[in-house]
Amino acid sequence: MNDLLRIKGVLKDEKHSVNILEPKKCPHCKEPNRPDAQFCFRCNFVMSFDAYQADKEEREKKDQEIQGLRKQTQI
């Protein structure tokens, strides 16, 4: 019965537990950061997928604005 509950995600396997208070180490500079860090405070490396997505969307938006301004100045 417990195996079925583990498979469904109701019970967590104790061997694979994650300490949520453990600092995140930056893969780029190896600096310890807060567990909820989005970017490394030392080198500004992206530490989470959400931060990566937000940064990517912001860059795409800025690129579109630049293209629009270029079109306006060419007329």
N, C-alpha and C. Protein backbone atom coordinates (compact mmCIF):
# COMPACT_ATOMS: atom_id res chain seq x y z
N MET A 1 0.81 -1.20 0.00
CA MET A 1 0.00 0.00 0.00
C MET A 1 0.86 1.26 0.00
N ASN A 2 1.90 1.29 0.84
CA ASN A 2 2.77 2.46 0.89
C ASN A 2 3.49 2.69 -0.44
N ASP A 3 3.83 1.61 -1.16
CA ASP A 3 4.48 1.76 -2.46
C ASP A 3 3.57 2.49 -3.44
N LEU A 4 2.30 2.16 -3.42
CA LEU A 4 1.33 2.82 -4.29
C LEU A 4 1.20 4.30 -3.94
N LEU A 5 1.18 4.60 -2.65
CA LEU A 5 1.10 6.00 -2.21
C LEU A 5 2.35 6.78 -2.61
N ARG A 6 3.52 6.15 -2.58
CA ARG A 6 4.76 6.81 -3.02
C ARG A 6 4.72 7.09 -4.52
N ILE A 7 4.23 6.13 -5.29
CA ILE A 7 4.15 6.28 -6.74
C ILE A 7 3.23 7.45 -7.10
N LYS A 8 2.13 7.57 -6.38
CA LYS A 8 1.17 8.64 -6.64
C LYS A 8 1.62 9.99 -6.08
N GLY A 9 2.71 9.99 -5.30
CA GLY A 9 3.22 11.24 -4.76
C GLY A 9 2.62 11.66 -3.43
N VAL A 10 1.80 10.80 -2.84
CA VAL A 10 1.19 11.12 -1.55
C VAL A 10 2.23 11.02 -0.44
N LEU A 11 3.03 9.95 -0.45
CA LEU A 11 4.12 9.79 0.51
C LEU A 11 5.43 10.12 -0.17
N LYS A 12 6.29 10.80 0.54
CA LYS A 12 7.60 11.15 0.00
C LYS A 12 8.62 10.12 0.45
N ASP A 13 9.53 9.80 -0.42
CA ASP A 13 10.60 8.87 -0.10
C ASP A 13 11.64 9.61 0.73
N GLU A 14 11.93 9.13 1.91
CA GLU A 14 12.83 9.81 2.84
C GLU A 14 14.26 9.90 2.30
N LYS A 15 14.66 8.97 1.46
CA LYS A 15 16.03 8.97 0.94
C LYS A 15 16.28 10.13 0.00
N HIS A 16 15.26 10.62 -0.67
CA HIS A 16 15.42 11.64 -1.69
C HIS A 16 14.94 13.01 -1.22
N SER A 17 14.89 13.22 0.09
CA SER A 17 14.41 14.51 0.57
C SER A 17 15.46 15.58 0.30
N VAL A 18 14.99 16.80 0.10
CA VAL A 18 15.85 17.93 -0.22
C VAL A 18 15.76 18.93 0.91
N ASN A 19 16.90 19.40 1.36
CA ASN A 19 16.93 20.42 2.39
C ASN A 19 16.69 21.78 1.72
N ILE A 20 15.51 22.36 1.96
CA ILE A 20 15.17 23.62 1.29
C ILE A 20 15.91 24.81 1.88
N LEU A 21 16.58 24.62 3.02
CA LEU A 21 17.34 25.70 3.63
C LEU A 21 18.81 25.69 3.21
N GLU A 22 19.21 24.67 2.49
CA GLU A 22 20.59 24.59 2.03
C GLU A 22 20.85 25.64 0.95
N PRO A 23 21.95 26.37 1.04
CA PRO A 23 22.22 27.41 0.03
C PRO A 23 22.40 26.79 -1.36
N LYS A 24 21.97 27.54 -2.37
CA LYS A 24 22.20 27.13 -3.76
C LYS A 24 23.60 27.57 -4.13
N LYS A 25 24.36 26.68 -4.76
CA LYS A 25 25.67 27.06 -5.26
C LYS A 25 25.54 27.43 -6.72
N CYS A 26 26.13 28.55 -7.06
CA CYS A 26 26.11 29.01 -8.45
C CYS A 26 26.95 28.05 -9.30
N PRO A 27 26.41 27.55 -10.41
CA PRO A 27 27.19 26.65 -11.26
C PRO A 27 28.33 27.37 -11.99
N HIS A 28 28.25 28.69 -12.05
CA HIS A 28 29.26 29.47 -12.76
C HIS A 28 30.44 29.83 -11.87
N CYS A 29 30.17 30.44 -10.71
CA CYS A 29 31.25 30.92 -9.85
C CYS A 29 31.36 30.15 -8.53
N LYS A 30 30.47 29.20 -8.29
CA LYS A 30 30.46 28.36 -7.08
C LYS A 30 30.17 29.13 -5.79
N GLU A 31 29.65 30.34 -5.89
CA GLU A 31 29.31 31.15 -4.73
C GLU A 31 28.01 30.65 -4.11
N PRO A 32 27.95 30.45 -2.78
CA PRO A 32 26.68 30.07 -2.15
C PRO A 32 25.71 31.24 -2.16
N ASN A 33 24.46 30.96 -2.48
CA ASN A 33 23.40 31.96 -2.54
C ASN A 33 22.24 31.51 -1.68
N ARG A 34 21.28 32.41 -1.47
CA ARG A 34 20.08 32.05 -0.72
C ARG A 34 19.36 30.91 -1.45
N PRO A 35 18.63 30.08 -0.71
CA PRO A 35 17.92 28.96 -1.34
C PRO A 35 16.89 29.39 -2.38
N ASP A 36 16.32 30.59 -2.23
CA ASP A 36 15.31 31.06 -3.18
C ASP A 36 15.87 32.04 -4.20
N ALA A 37 17.17 32.09 -4.36
CA ALA A 37 17.81 33.05 -5.26
C ALA A 37 17.43 32.78 -6.71
N GLN A 38 17.12 33.85 -7.42
CA GLN A 38 16.83 33.76 -8.86
C GLN A 38 18.11 33.97 -9.68
N PHE A 39 18.98 34.84 -9.17
CA PHE A 39 20.25 35.16 -9.83
C PHE A 39 21.36 35.09 -8.78
N CYS A 40 22.56 34.75 -9.19
CA CYS A 40 23.70 34.75 -8.29
C CYS A 40 24.03 36.19 -7.92
N PHE A 41 24.20 36.46 -6.62
CA PHE A 41 24.46 37.83 -6.20
C PHE A 41 25.87 38.26 -6.56
N ARG A 42 26.76 37.32 -6.84
CA ARG A 42 28.15 37.67 -7.17
C ARG A 42 28.35 37.91 -8.67
N CYS A 43 27.89 36.97 -9.48
CA CYS A 43 28.17 37.07 -10.93
C CYS A 43 26.91 37.29 -11.77
N ASN A 44 25.72 37.34 -11.13
CA ASN A 44 24.45 37.59 -11.80
C ASN A 44 24.05 36.47 -12.76
N PHE A 45 24.56 35.27 -12.55
CA PHE A 45 24.21 34.10 -13.35
C PHE A 45 22.78 33.68 -13.01
N VAL A 46 22.00 33.24 -13.98
CA VAL A 46 20.62 32.82 -13.76
C VAL A 46 20.62 31.52 -12.96
N MET A 47 19.89 31.52 -11.84
CA MET A 47 19.88 30.36 -10.94
C MET A 47 18.60 29.54 -11.02
N SER A 48 17.57 30.02 -11.74
CA SER A 48 16.32 29.25 -11.82
C SER A 48 15.74 29.38 -13.22
N PHE A 49 14.92 28.42 -13.58
CA PHE A 49 14.28 28.42 -14.89
C PHE A 49 13.30 29.60 -15.02
N ASP A 50 12.59 29.92 -13.94
CA ASP A 50 11.65 31.05 -13.97
C ASP A 50 12.37 32.36 -14.27
N ALA A 51 13.52 32.55 -13.64
CA ALA A 51 14.30 33.76 -13.90
C ALA A 51 14.80 33.78 -15.34
N TYR A 52 15.20 32.63 -15.85
CA TYR A 52 15.65 32.53 -17.25
C TYR A 52 14.53 32.92 -18.20
N GLN A 53 13.33 32.37 -17.97
CA GLN A 53 12.18 32.67 -18.82
C GLN A 53 11.85 34.15 -18.79
N ALA A 54 11.83 34.75 -17.59
CA ALA A 54 11.50 36.17 -17.46
C ALA A 54 12.54 37.02 -18.17
N ASP A 55 13.81 36.67 -18.03
CA ASP A 55 14.88 37.42 -18.69
C ASP A 55 14.77 37.29 -20.20
N LYS A 56 14.46 36.10 -20.68
CA LYS A 56 14.33 35.87 -22.12
C LYS A 56 13.16 36.68 -22.70
N GLU A 57 12.03 36.67 -22.01
CA GLU A 57 10.86 37.42 -22.47
C GLU A 57 11.14 38.93 -22.49
N GLU A 58 11.86 39.40 -21.48
CA GLU A 58 12.19 40.83 -21.41
C GLU A 58 13.12 41.23 -22.56
N ARG A 59 14.10 40.38 -22.86
CA ARG A 59 15.01 40.68 -23.98
C ARG A 59 14.26 40.68 -25.30
N GLU A 60 13.33 39.73 -25.50
CA GLU A 60 12.55 39.68 -26.74
C GLU A 60 11.68 40.93 -26.88
N LYS A 61 11.09 41.38 -25.78
CA LYS A 61 10.26 42.58 -25.80
C LYS A 61 11.10 43.81 -26.17
N LYS A 62 12.29 43.91 -25.60
CA LYS A 62 13.18 45.04 -25.91
C LYS A 62 13.63 44.99 -27.36
N ASP A 63 13.92 43.79 -27.88
CA ASP A 63 14.31 43.65 -29.28
C ASP A 63 13.18 44.11 -30.21
N GLN A 64 11.93 43.78 -29.87
CA GLN A 64 10.80 44.20 -30.68
C GLN A 64 10.64 45.72 -30.64
N GLU A 65 10.84 46.32 -29.47
CA GLU A 65 10.75 47.77 -29.35
C GLU A 65 11.83 48.45 -30.18
N ILE A 66 13.03 47.90 -30.17
CA ILE A 66 14.13 48.46 -30.95
C ILE A 66 13.83 48.36 -32.44
N GLN A 67 13.29 47.23 -32.86
CA GLN A 67 12.94 47.07 -34.28
C GLN A 67 11.87 48.07 -34.68
N GLY A 68 10.88 48.29 -33.80
CA GLY A 68 9.84 49.27 -34.09
C GLY A 68 10.40 50.67 -34.20
N LEU A 69 11.32 51.04 -33.34
CA LEU A 69 11.95 52.35 -33.39
C LEU A 69 12.80 52.52 -34.65
N ARG A 70 13.48 51.46 -35.05
CA ARG A 70 14.28 51.52 -36.29
C ARG A 70 13.39 51.75 -37.50
N LYS A 71 12.24 51.07 -37.52
CA LYS A 71 11.31 51.26 -38.64
C LYS A 71 10.78 52.69 -38.68
N GLN A 72 10.50 53.26 -37.52
CA GLN A 72 9.99 54.62 -37.45
C GLN A 72 11.03 55.63 -37.93
N THR A 73 12.28 55.42 -37.63
CA THR A 73 13.33 56.37 -38.03
C THR A 73 13.69 56.24 -39.49
N GLN A 74 13.40 55.12 -40.12
CA GLN A 74 13.73 54.93 -41.54
C GLN A 74 12.71 55.58 -42.45
N ILE A 75 11.55 55.90 -41.97
CA ILE A 75 10.50 56.49 -42.82
C ILE A 75 10.77 57.93 -43.08
